[in-house]
Amino acid sequence: MKSRTVCFSPGCIAPGMTLAKPVTDREGKTLLSADTELDLETIDRLIRRGVETVWIQVLDTRDELTIADDLAAAQSRVEKIFRGPGSAARQTLRAAVLQYRLDTTK
């Protein structure tokens, strides 16, 4: 089965979900490793620690056409936001945002 990695706030996750990436604190210390299955107590601890986002592995039931449409829509939104000429720094930011959106839309 296909899966994808999706970013959630800890308040939006549920017991039984599995981490796709490690969770780290502000100093970079690993709090939970990838592939950890979350339970209610662990989710509550993440919320109390102020963890803002976690990467969760979810089942991807989309077909190839839907994935292609999602990727095209993400690219279109980024192009609209960054339309017109801009500085080199703006173009670097545009490229980073586009890469992020394409990675999280897959």
PDB file of N, CA and C in Angstrom:
ATOM      1  N   MET A   1       0.832  -1.188   0.000  1.00  0.00           N
ATOM      2  CA  MET A   1       0.000   0.000   0.000  1.00  0.00           C
ATOM      3  C   MET A   1       0.873   1.246   0.000  1.00  0.00           C
ATOM      4  N   LYS A   2       0.378   2.270  -0.699  1.00  0.00           N
ATOM      5  CA  LYS A   2       1.081   3.538  -0.731  1.00  0.00           C
ATOM      6  C   LYS A   2       0.832   4.300   0.566  1.00  0.00           C
ATOM      7  N   SER A   3       1.839   5.036   0.963  1.00  0.00           N
ATOM      8  CA  SER A   3       1.666   5.940   2.093  1.00  0.00           C
ATOM      9  C   SER A   3       2.361   7.243   1.755  1.00  0.00           C
ATOM     10  N   ARG A   4       2.058   8.250   2.537  1.00  0.00           N
ATOM     11  CA  ARG A   4       2.722   9.542   2.371  1.00  0.00           C
ATOM     12  C   ARG A   4       2.945  10.163   3.728  1.00  0.00           C
ATOM     13  N   THR A   5       3.810  11.138   3.775  1.00  0.00           N
ATOM     14  CA  THR A   5       4.146  11.823   5.006  1.00  0.00           C
ATOM     15  C   THR A   5       3.394  13.145   5.050  1.00  0.00           C
ATOM     16  N   VAL A   6       2.676  13.374   6.155  1.00  0.00           N
ATOM     17  CA  VAL A   6       1.876  14.582   6.301  1.00  0.00           C
ATOM     18  C   VAL A   6       2.232  15.252   7.623  1.00  0.00           C
ATOM     19  N   CYS A   7       2.322  16.573   7.593  1.00  0.00           N
ATOM     20  CA  CYS A   7       2.655  17.357   8.783  1.00  0.00           C
ATOM     21  C   CYS A   7       1.361  17.757   9.498  1.00  0.00           C
ATOM     22  N   PHE A   8       1.319  17.479  10.810  1.00  0.00           N
ATOM     23  CA  PHE A   8       0.161  17.823  11.647  1.00  0.00           C
ATOM     24  C   PHE A   8       0.630  18.544  12.904  1.00  0.00           C
ATOM     25  N   SER A   9      -0.263  19.318  13.499  1.00  0.00           N
ATOM     26  CA  SER A   9       0.002  19.800  14.851  1.00  0.00           C
ATOM     27  C   SER A   9      -0.389  18.657  15.787  1.00  0.00           C
ATOM     28  N   PRO A  10       0.262  18.553  16.949  1.00  0.00           N
ATOM     29  CA  PRO A  10      -0.065  17.456  17.868  1.00  0.00           C
ATOM     30  C   PRO A  10      -1.533  17.408  18.275  1.00  0.00           C
ATOM     31  N   GLY A  11      -2.215  18.540  18.273  1.00  0.00           N
ATOM     32  CA  GLY A  11      -3.625  18.553  18.622  1.00  0.00           C
ATOM     33  C   GLY A  11      -4.523  17.916  17.572  1.00  0.00           C
ATOM     34  N   CYS A  12      -3.975  17.647  16.397  1.00  0.00           N
ATOM     35  CA  CYS A  12      -4.769  17.076  15.299  1.00  0.00           C
ATOM     36  C   CYS A  12      -4.441  15.611  15.029  1.00  0.00           C
ATOM     37  N   ILE A  13      -3.592  15.002  15.850  1.00  0.00           N
ATOM     38  CA  ILE A  13      -3.249  13.602  15.628  1.00  0.00           C
ATOM     39  C   ILE A  13      -4.036  12.711  16.579  1.00  0.00           C
ATOM     40  N   ALA A  14      -4.054  11.427  16.267  1.00  0.00           N
ATOM     41  CA  ALA A  14      -4.861  10.498  17.048  1.00  0.00           C
ATOM     42  C   ALA A  14      -4.018   9.286  17.452  1.00  0.00           C
ATOM     43  N   PRO A  15      -4.384   8.645  18.551  1.00  0.00           N
ATOM     44  CA  PRO A  15      -3.694   7.419  18.944  1.00  0.00           C
ATOM     45  C   PRO A  15      -3.713   6.404  17.799  1.00  0.00           C
ATOM     46  N   GLY A  16      -2.601   5.690  17.647  1.00  0.00           N
ATOM     47  CA  GLY A  16      -2.477   4.699  16.590  1.00  0.00           C
ATOM     48  C   GLY A  16      -1.734   5.208  15.376  1.00  0.00           C
ATOM     49  N   MET A  17      -1.595   6.534  15.242  1.00  0.00           N
ATOM     50  CA  MET A  17      -0.817   7.082  14.129  1.00  0.00           C
ATOM     51  C   MET A  17       0.657   6.795  14.368  1.00  0.00           C
ATOM     52  N   THR A  18       1.429   6.757  13.276  1.00  0.00           N
ATOM     53  CA  THR A  18       2.852   6.433  13.350  1.00  0.00           C
ATOM     54  C   THR A  18       3.680   7.600  12.845  1.00  0.00           C
ATOM     55  N   LEU A  19       4.735   7.941  13.595  1.00  0.00           N
ATOM     56  CA  LEU A  19       5.627   9.020  13.192  1.00  0.00           C
ATOM     57  C   LEU A  19       6.419   8.628  11.944  1.00  0.00           C
ATOM     58  N   ALA A  20       6.505   9.549  11.000  1.00  0.00           N
ATOM     59  CA  ALA A  20       7.294   9.333   9.796  1.00  0.00           C
ATOM     60  C   ALA A  20       8.713   9.853   9.981  1.00  0.00           C
ATOM     61  N   LYS A  21       8.876  10.850  10.839  1.00  0.00           N
ATOM     62  CA  LYS A  21      10.177  11.465  11.109  1.00  0.00           C
ATOM     63  C   LYS A  21      10.335  11.597  12.619  1.00  0.00           C
ATOM     64  N   PRO A  22      11.578  11.654  13.098  1.00  0.00           N
ATOM     65  CA  PRO A  22      11.773  11.837  14.534  1.00  0.00           C
ATOM     66  C   PRO A  22      11.216  13.181  15.004  1.00  0.00           C
ATOM     67  N   VAL A  23      10.813  13.233  16.263  1.00  0.00           N
ATOM     68  CA  VAL A  23      10.381  14.486  16.890  1.00  0.00           C
ATOM     69  C   VAL A  23      11.540  14.957  17.754  1.00  0.00           C
ATOM     70  N   THR A  24      11.939  16.215  17.570  1.00  0.00           N
ATOM     71  CA  THR A  24      13.058  16.771  18.336  1.00  0.00           C
ATOM     72  C   THR A  24      12.599  17.980  19.126  1.00  0.00           C
ATOM     73  N   ASP A  25      13.357  18.292  20.191  1.00  0.00           N
ATOM     74  CA  ASP A  25      13.059  19.499  20.956  1.00  0.00           C
ATOM     75  C   ASP A  25      13.789  20.677  20.315  1.00  0.00           C
ATOM     76  N   ARG A  26      13.694  21.831  20.943  1.00  0.00           N
ATOM     77  CA  ARG A  26      14.294  23.050  20.378  1.00  0.00           C
ATOM     78  C   ARG A  26      15.814  22.976  20.270  1.00  0.00           C
ATOM     79  N   GLU A  27      16.435  22.151  21.095  1.00  0.00           N
ATOM     80  CA  GLU A  27      17.888  22.004  21.059  1.00  0.00           C
ATOM     81  C   GLU A  27      18.325  20.907  20.086  1.00  0.00           C
ATOM     82  N   GLY A  28      17.370  20.237  19.454  1.00  0.00           N
ATOM     83  CA  GLY A  28      17.683  19.188  18.498  1.00  0.00           C
ATOM     84  C   GLY A  28      17.765  17.791  19.095  1.00  0.00           C
ATOM     85  N   LYS A  29      17.475  17.666  20.378  1.00  0.00           N
ATOM     86  CA  LYS A  29      17.495  16.353  21.031  1.00  0.00           C
ATOM     87  C   LYS A  29      16.262  15.555  20.602  1.00  0.00           C
ATOM     88  N   THR A  30      16.472  14.296  20.252  1.00  0.00           N
ATOM     89  CA  THR A  30      15.374  13.449  19.805  1.00  0.00           C
ATOM     90  C   THR A  30      14.477  13.074  20.977  1.00  0.00           C
ATOM     91  N   LEU A  31      13.202  13.397  20.841  1.00  0.00           N
ATOM     92  CA  LEU A  31      12.209  13.040  21.854  1.00  0.00           C
ATOM     93  C   LEU A  31      11.559  11.702  21.516  1.00  0.00           C
ATOM     94  N   LEU A  32      11.254  11.508  20.238  1.00  0.00           N
ATOM     95  CA  LEU A  32      10.648  10.264  19.763  1.00  0.00           C
ATOM     96  C   LEU A  32      11.260   9.931  18.411  1.00  0.00           C
ATOM     97  N   SER A  33      11.515   8.671  18.168  1.00  0.00           N
ATOM     98  CA  SER A  33      12.112   8.272  16.898  1.00  0.00           C
ATOM     99  C   SER A  33      11.028   8.026  15.851  1.00  0.00           C
ATOM    100  N   ALA A  34      11.451   8.028  14.594  1.00  0.00           N
ATOM    101  CA  ALA A  34      10.537   7.685  13.504  1.00  0.00           C
ATOM    102  C   ALA A  34      10.016   6.275  13.736  1.00  0.00           C
ATOM    103  N   ASP A  35       8.857   5.988  13.219  1.00  0.00           N
ATOM    104  CA  ASP A  35       8.181   4.688  13.337  1.00  0.00           C
ATOM    105  C   ASP A  35       7.577   4.443  14.719  1.00  0.00           C
ATOM    106  N   THR A  36       7.567   5.461  15.581  1.00  0.00           N
ATOM    107  CA  THR A  36       6.911   5.327  16.884  1.00  0.00           C
ATOM    108  C   THR A  36       5.406   5.409  16.692  1.00  0.00           C
ATOM    109  N   GLU A  37       4.694   4.426  17.221  1.00  0.00           N
ATOM    110  CA  GLU A  37       3.231   4.478  17.191  1.00  0.00           C
ATOM    111  C   GLU A  37       2.773   5.304  18.388  1.00  0.00           C
ATOM    112  N   LEU A  38       1.941   6.283  18.125  1.00  0.00           N
ATOM    113  CA  LEU A  38       1.535   7.229  19.161  1.00  0.00           C
ATOM    114  C   LEU A  38       0.330   6.729  19.953  1.00  0.00           C
ATOM    115  N   ASP A  39       0.376   6.975  21.263  1.00  0.00           N
ATOM    116  CA  ASP A  39      -0.781   6.708  22.120  1.00  0.00           C
ATOM    117  C   ASP A  39      -1.216   8.033  22.729  1.00  0.00           C
ATOM    118  N   LEU A  40      -2.317   8.036  23.425  1.00  0.00           N
ATOM    119  CA  LEU A  40      -2.882   9.274  23.973  1.00  0.00           C
ATOM    120  C   LEU A  40      -1.915   9.958  24.929  1.00  0.00           C
ATOM    121  N   GLU A  41      -1.245   9.189  25.779  1.00  0.00           N
ATOM    122  CA  GLU A  41      -0.295   9.770  26.736  1.00  0.00           C
ATOM    123  C   GLU A  41       0.857  10.467  26.018  1.00  0.00           C
ATOM    124  N   THR A  42       1.374   9.850  24.974  1.00  0.00           N
ATOM    125  CA  THR A  42       2.486  10.442  24.217  1.00  0.00           C
ATOM    126  C   THR A  42       2.034  11.722  23.521  1.00  0.00           C
ATOM    127  N   ILE A  43       0.848  11.713  22.947  1.00  0.00           N
ATOM    128  CA  ILE A  43       0.313  12.905  22.284  1.00  0.00           C
ATOM    129  C   ILE A  43       0.152  14.035  23.301  1.00  0.00           C
ATOM    130  N   ASP A  44      -0.376  13.730  24.472  1.00  0.00           N
ATOM    131  CA  ASP A  44      -0.516  14.746  25.525  1.00  0.00           C
ATOM    132  C   ASP A  44       0.833  15.328  25.921  1.00  0.00           C
ATOM    133  N   ARG A  45       1.866  14.482  26.026  1.00  0.00           N
ATOM    134  CA  ARG A  45       3.211  14.973  26.371  1.00  0.00           C
ATOM    135  C   ARG A  45       3.751  15.898  25.282  1.00  0.00           C
ATOM    136  N   LEU A  46       3.511  15.566  24.021  1.00  0.00           N
ATOM    137  CA  LEU A  46       3.968  16.426  22.928  1.00  0.00           C
ATOM    138  C   LEU A  46       3.308  17.799  23.027  1.00  0.00           C
ATOM    139  N   ILE A  47       2.016  17.806  23.311  1.00  0.00           N
ATOM    140  CA  ILE A  47       1.289  19.069  23.436  1.00  0.00           C
ATOM    141  C   ILE A  47       1.829  19.875  24.613  1.00  0.00           C
ATOM    142  N   ARG A  48       2.039  19.237  25.765  1.00  0.00           N
ATOM    143  CA  ARG A  48       2.554  19.938  26.955  1.00  0.00           C
ATOM    144  C   ARG A  48       3.960  20.484  26.724  1.00  0.00           C
ATOM    145  N   ARG A  49       4.786  19.785  25.939  1.00  0.00           N
ATOM    146  CA  ARG A  49       6.142  20.248  25.653  1.00  0.00           C
ATOM    147  C   ARG A  49       6.180  21.377  24.633  1.00  0.00           C
ATOM    148  N   GLY A  50       5.050  21.667  24.022  1.00  0.00           N
ATOM    149  CA  GLY A  50       4.989  22.754  23.043  1.00  0.00           C
ATOM    150  C   GLY A  50       5.487  22.368  21.661  1.00  0.00           C
ATOM    151  N   VAL A  51       5.506  21.073  21.369  1.00  0.00           N
ATOM    152  CA  VAL A  51       5.896  20.637  20.025  1.00  0.00           C
ATOM    153  C   VAL A  51       4.852  21.173  19.050  1.00  0.00           C
ATOM    154  N   GLU A  52       5.323  21.862  18.013  1.00  0.00           N
ATOM    155  CA  GLU A  52       4.397  22.520  17.098  1.00  0.00           C
ATOM    156  C   GLU A  52       3.929  21.624  15.962  1.00  0.00           C
ATOM    157  N   THR A  53       4.811  20.761  15.455  1.00  0.00           N
ATOM    158  CA  THR A  53       4.441  19.901  14.331  1.00  0.00           C
ATOM    159  C   THR A  53       5.075  18.527  14.471  1.00  0.00           C
ATOM    160  N   VAL A  54       4.401  17.547  13.912  1.00  0.00           N
ATOM    161  CA  VAL A  54       4.940  16.189  13.813  1.00  0.00           C
ATOM    162  C   VAL A  54       4.625  15.676  12.413  1.00  0.00           C
ATOM    163  N   TRP A  55       5.498  14.816  11.912  1.00  0.00           N
ATOM    164  CA  TRP A  55       5.321  14.217  10.591  1.00  0.00           C
ATOM    165  C   TRP A  55       4.780  12.815  10.776  1.00  0.00           C
ATOM    166  N   ILE A  56       3.606  12.564  10.203  1.00  0.00           N
ATOM    167  CA  ILE A  56       2.885  11.309  10.376  1.00  0.00           C
ATOM    168  C   ILE A  56       2.819  10.564   9.043  1.00  0.00           C
ATOM    169  N   GLN A  57       2.976   9.246   9.120  1.00  0.00           N
ATOM    170  CA  GLN A  57       2.824   8.385   7.948  1.00  0.00           C
ATOM    171  C   GLN A  57       1.341   8.028   7.815  1.00  0.00           C
ATOM    172  N   VAL A  58       0.730   8.380   6.683  1.00  0.00           N
ATOM    173  CA  VAL A  58      -0.683   8.095   6.471  1.00  0.00           C
ATOM    174  C   VAL A  58      -0.875   7.284   5.198  1.00  0.00           C
ATOM    175  N   LEU A  59      -1.913   6.510   5.162  1.00  0.00           N
ATOM    176  CA  LEU A  59      -2.278   5.740   3.987  1.00  0.00           C
ATOM    177  C   LEU A  59      -2.673   6.702   2.879  1.00  0.00           C
ATOM    178  N   ASP A  60      -2.157   6.493   1.691  1.00  0.00           N
ATOM    179  CA  ASP A  60      -2.461   7.359   0.556  1.00  0.00           C
ATOM    180  C   ASP A  60      -3.369   6.604  -0.406  1.00  0.00           C
ATOM    181  N   THR A  61      -4.625   6.961  -0.401  1.00  0.00           N
ATOM    182  CA  THR A  61      -5.607   6.268  -1.236  1.00  0.00           C
ATOM    183  C   THR A  61      -5.848   6.997  -2.565  1.00  0.00           C
ATOM    184  N   ARG A  62      -5.090   8.061  -2.824  1.00  0.00           N
ATOM    185  CA  ARG A  62      -5.281   8.818  -4.070  1.00  0.00           C
ATOM    186  C   ARG A  62      -4.751   8.026  -5.265  1.00  0.00           C
ATOM    187  N   ASP A  63      -5.388   8.217  -6.414  1.00  0.00           N
ATOM    188  CA  ASP A  63      -4.872   7.603  -7.633  1.00  0.00           C
ATOM    189  C   ASP A  63      -3.826   8.536  -8.253  1.00  0.00           C
ATOM    190  N   GLU A  64      -3.140   8.072  -9.288  1.00  0.00           N
ATOM    191  CA  GLU A  64      -2.055   8.850  -9.900  1.00  0.00           C
ATOM    192  C   GLU A  64      -2.541  10.175 -10.481  1.00  0.00           C
ATOM    193  N   LEU A  65      -3.732  10.196 -11.045  1.00  0.00           N
ATOM    194  CA  LEU A  65      -4.274  11.433 -11.602  1.00  0.00           C
ATOM    195  C   LEU A  65      -4.528  12.463 -10.506  1.00  0.00           C
ATOM    196  N   THR A  66      -5.071  12.034  -9.383  1.00  0.00           N
ATOM    197  CA  THR A  66      -5.324  12.947  -8.265  1.00  0.00           C
ATOM    198  C   THR A  66      -4.020  13.492  -7.706  1.00  0.00           C
ATOM    199  N   ILE A  67      -3.009  12.646  -7.591  1.00  0.00           N
ATOM    200  CA  ILE A  67      -1.696  13.099  -7.118  1.00  0.00           C
ATOM    201  C   ILE A  67      -1.133  14.148  -8.071  1.00  0.00           C
ATOM    202  N   ALA A  68      -1.213  13.882  -9.380  1.00  0.00           N
ATOM    203  CA  ALA A  68      -0.720  14.842 -10.370  1.00  0.00           C
ATOM    204  C   ALA A  68      -1.481  16.159 -10.274  1.00  0.00           C
ATOM    205  N   ASP A  69      -2.794  16.096 -10.095  1.00  0.00           N
ATOM    206  CA  ASP A  69      -3.598  17.313  -9.937  1.00  0.00           C
ATOM    207  C   ASP A  69      -3.201  18.083  -8.675  1.00  0.00           C
ATOM    208  N   ASP A  70      -2.967  17.370  -7.570  1.00  0.00           N
ATOM    209  CA  ASP A  70      -2.555  18.015  -6.320  1.00  0.00           C
ATOM    210  C   ASP A  70      -1.203  18.711  -6.478  1.00  0.00           C
ATOM    211  N   LEU A  71      -0.273  18.056  -7.163  1.00  0.00           N
ATOM    212  CA  LEU A  71       1.047  18.650  -7.393  1.00  0.00           C
ATOM    213  C   LEU A  71       0.948  19.890  -8.274  1.00  0.00           C
ATOM    214  N   ALA A  72       0.125  19.825  -9.316  1.00  0.00           N
ATOM    215  CA  ALA A  72      -0.057  20.977 -10.200  1.00  0.00           C
ATOM    216  C   ALA A  72      -0.702  22.144  -9.449  1.00  0.00           C
ATOM    217  N   ALA A  73      -1.682  21.848  -8.610  1.00  0.00           N
ATOM    218  CA  ALA A  73      -2.346  22.905  -7.837  1.00  0.00           C
ATOM    219  C   ALA A  73      -1.368  23.561  -6.852  1.00  0.00           C
ATOM    220  N   ALA A  74      -0.529  22.758  -6.217  1.00  0.00           N
ATOM    221  CA  ALA A  74       0.460  23.307  -5.280  1.00  0.00           C
ATOM    222  C   ALA A  74       1.431  24.214  -6.019  1.00  0.00           C
ATOM    223  N   GLN A  75       1.898  23.775  -7.180  1.00  0.00           N
ATOM    224  CA  GLN A  75       2.827  24.597  -7.951  1.00  0.00           C
ATOM    225  C   GLN A  75       2.158  25.890  -8.404  1.00  0.00           C
ATOM    226  N   SER A  76       0.918  25.808  -8.824  1.00  0.00           N
ATOM    227  CA  SER A  76       0.184  26.989  -9.264  1.00  0.00           C
ATOM    228  C   SER A  76       0.020  28.008  -8.128  1.00  0.00           C
ATOM    229  N   ARG A  77      -0.276  27.521  -6.929  1.00  0.00           N
ATOM    230  CA  ARG A  77      -0.425  28.431  -5.780  1.00  0.00           C
ATOM    231  C   ARG A  77       0.888  29.145  -5.466  1.00  0.00           C
ATOM    232  N   VAL A  78       1.985  28.408  -5.489  1.00  0.00           N
ATOM    233  CA  VAL A  78       3.288  29.023  -5.200  1.00  0.00           C
ATOM    234  C   VAL A  78       3.630  30.045  -6.278  1.00  0.00           C
ATOM    235  N   GLU A  79       3.390  29.700  -7.544  1.00  0.00           N
ATOM    236  CA  GLU A  79       3.680  30.640  -8.634  1.00  0.00           C
ATOM    237  C   GLU A  79       2.849  31.913  -8.493  1.00  0.00           C
ATOM    238  N   LYS A  80       1.603  31.793  -8.051  1.00  0.00           N
ATOM    239  CA  LYS A  80       0.754  32.970  -7.866  1.00  0.00           C
ATOM    240  C   LYS A  80       1.277  33.841  -6.725  1.00  0.00           C
ATOM    241  N   ILE A  81       1.670  33.213  -5.627  1.00  0.00           N
ATOM    242  CA  ILE A  81       2.188  33.966  -4.482  1.00  0.00           C
ATOM    243  C   ILE A  81       3.453  34.726  -4.854  1.00  0.00           C
ATOM    244  N   PHE A  82       4.328  34.079  -5.623  1.00  0.00           N
ATOM    245  CA  PHE A  82       5.620  34.667  -5.963  1.00  0.00           C
ATOM    246  C   PHE A  82       5.645  35.233  -7.385  1.00  0.00           C
ATOM    247  N   ARG A  83       4.488  35.669  -7.895  1.00  0.00           N
ATOM    248  CA  ARG A  83       4.433  36.197  -9.257  1.00  0.00           C
ATOM    249  C   ARG A  83       5.208  37.512  -9.341  1.00  0.00           C
ATOM    250  N   GLY A  84       5.649  37.813 -10.529  1.00  0.00           N
ATOM    251  CA  GLY A  84       6.364  39.062 -10.767  1.00  0.00           C
ATOM    252  C   GLY A  84       7.841  38.952 -10.423  1.00  0.00           C
ATOM    253  N   PRO A  85       8.576  39.985 -10.817  1.00  0.00           N
ATOM    254  CA  PRO A  85      10.025  39.964 -10.569  1.00  0.00           C
ATOM    255  C   PRO A  85      10.322  40.112  -9.075  1.00  0.00           C
ATOM    256  N   GLY A  86      11.490  39.692  -8.737  1.00  0.00           N
ATOM    257  CA  GLY A  86      11.887  39.795  -7.337  1.00  0.00           C
ATOM    258  C   GLY A  86      13.381  39.621  -7.186  1.00  0.00           C
ATOM    259  N   SER A  87      13.841  39.795  -5.984  1.00  0.00           N
ATOM    260  CA  SER A  87      15.266  39.682  -5.692  1.00  0.00           C
ATOM    261  C   SER A  87      15.711  38.223  -5.731  1.00  0.00           C
ATOM    262  N   ALA A  88      17.010  38.034  -5.670  1.00  0.00           N
ATOM    263  CA  ALA A  88      17.567  36.680  -5.621  1.00  0.00           C
ATOM    264  C   ALA A  88      17.097  35.964  -4.358  1.00  0.00           C
ATOM    265  N   ALA A  89      17.000  36.694  -3.246  1.00  0.00           N
ATOM    266  CA  ALA A  89      16.537  36.092  -1.995  1.00  0.00           C
ATOM    267  C   ALA A  89      15.084  35.628  -2.137  1.00  0.00           C
ATOM    268  N   ARG A  90      14.277  36.418  -2.813  1.00  0.00           N
ATOM    269  CA  ARG A  90      12.877  36.033  -3.027  1.00  0.00           C
ATOM    270  C   ARG A  90      12.794  34.777  -3.891  1.00  0.00           C
ATOM    271  N   GLN A  91      13.631  34.692  -4.904  1.00  0.00           N
ATOM    272  CA  GLN A  91      13.633  33.510  -5.768  1.00  0.00           C
ATOM    273  C   GLN A  91      14.110  32.268  -5.008  1.00  0.00           C
ATOM    274  N   THR A  92      15.046  32.459  -4.098  1.00  0.00           N
ATOM    275  CA  THR A  92      15.504  31.346  -3.263  1.00  0.00           C
ATOM    276  C   THR A  92      14.376  30.880  -2.351  1.00  0.00           C
ATOM    277  N   LEU A  93      13.660  31.836  -1.762  1.00  0.00           N
ATOM    278  CA  LEU A  93      12.513  31.505  -0.913  1.00  0.00           C
ATOM    279  C   LEU A  93      11.436  30.799  -1.728  1.00  0.00           C
ATOM    280  N   ARG A  94      11.146  31.293  -2.927  1.00  0.00           N
ATOM    281  CA  ARG A  94      10.162  30.660  -3.800  1.00  0.00           C
ATOM    282  C   ARG A  94      10.531  29.205  -4.074  1.00  0.00           C
ATOM    283  N   ALA A  95      11.792  28.961  -4.379  1.00  0.00           N
ATOM    284  CA  ALA A  95      12.243  27.592  -4.662  1.00  0.00           C
ATOM    285  C   ALA A  95      12.090  26.698  -3.435  1.00  0.00           C
ATOM    286  N   ALA A  96      12.400  27.229  -2.254  1.00  0.00           N
ATOM    287  CA  ALA A  96      12.282  26.445  -1.019  1.00  0.00           C
ATOM    288  C   ALA A  96      10.819  26.133  -0.715  1.00  0.00           C
ATOM    289  N   VAL A  97       9.938  27.131  -0.871  1.00  0.00           N
ATOM    290  CA  VAL A  97       8.515  26.919  -0.618  1.00  0.00           C
ATOM    291  C   VAL A  97       7.948  25.919  -1.618  1.00  0.00           C
ATOM    292  N   LEU A  98       8.339  26.047  -2.882  1.00  0.00           N
ATOM    293  CA  LEU A  98       7.852  25.121  -3.899  1.00  0.00           C
ATOM    294  C   LEU A  98       8.300  23.698  -3.593  1.00  0.00           C
ATOM    295  N   GLN A  99       9.556  23.526  -3.236  1.00  0.00           N
ATOM    296  CA  GLN A  99      10.059  22.184  -2.903  1.00  0.00           C
ATOM    297  C   GLN A  99       9.285  21.596  -1.717  1.00  0.00           C
ATOM    298  N   TYR A 100       9.065  22.412  -0.699  1.00  0.00           N
ATOM    299  CA  TYR A 100       8.305  21.951   0.468  1.00  0.00           C
ATOM    300  C   TYR A 100       6.894  21.534   0.072  1.00  0.00           C
ATOM    301  N   ARG A 101       6.206  22.382  -0.701  1.00  0.00           N
ATOM    302  CA  ARG A 101       4.832  22.073  -1.101  1.00  0.00           C
ATOM    303  C   ARG A 101       4.759  20.815  -1.951  1.00  0.00           C
ATOM    304  N   LEU A 102       5.717  20.639  -2.846  1.00  0.00           N
ATOM    305  CA  LEU A 102       5.709  19.438  -3.680  1.00  0.00           C
ATOM    306  C   LEU A 102       5.996  18.200  -2.854  1.00  0.00           C
ATOM    307  N   ASP A 103       6.884  18.304  -1.881  1.00  0.00           N
ATOM    308  CA  ASP A 103       7.191  17.166  -1.024  1.00  0.00           C
ATOM    309  C   ASP A 103       6.006  16.780  -0.163  1.00  0.00           C
ATOM    310  N   THR A 104       5.260  17.757   0.356  1.00  0.00           N
ATOM    311  CA  THR A 104       4.151  17.445   1.257  1.00  0.00           C
ATOM    312  C   THR A 104       2.861  17.120   0.515  1.00  0.00           C
ATOM    313  N   THR A 105       2.841  17.375  -0.797  1.00  0.00           N
ATOM    314  CA  THR A 105       1.652  17.083  -1.588  1.00  0.00           C
ATOM    315  C   THR A 105       1.719  15.666  -2.162  1.00  0.00           C
ATOM    316  N   LYS A 106       2.925  15.129  -2.284  1.00  0.00           N
ATOM    317  CA  LYS A 106       3.098  13.779  -2.848  1.00  0.00           C
ATOM    318  C   LYS A 106       2.402  12.755  -2.022  1.00  0.00           C
TER     319      LYS A 106
END
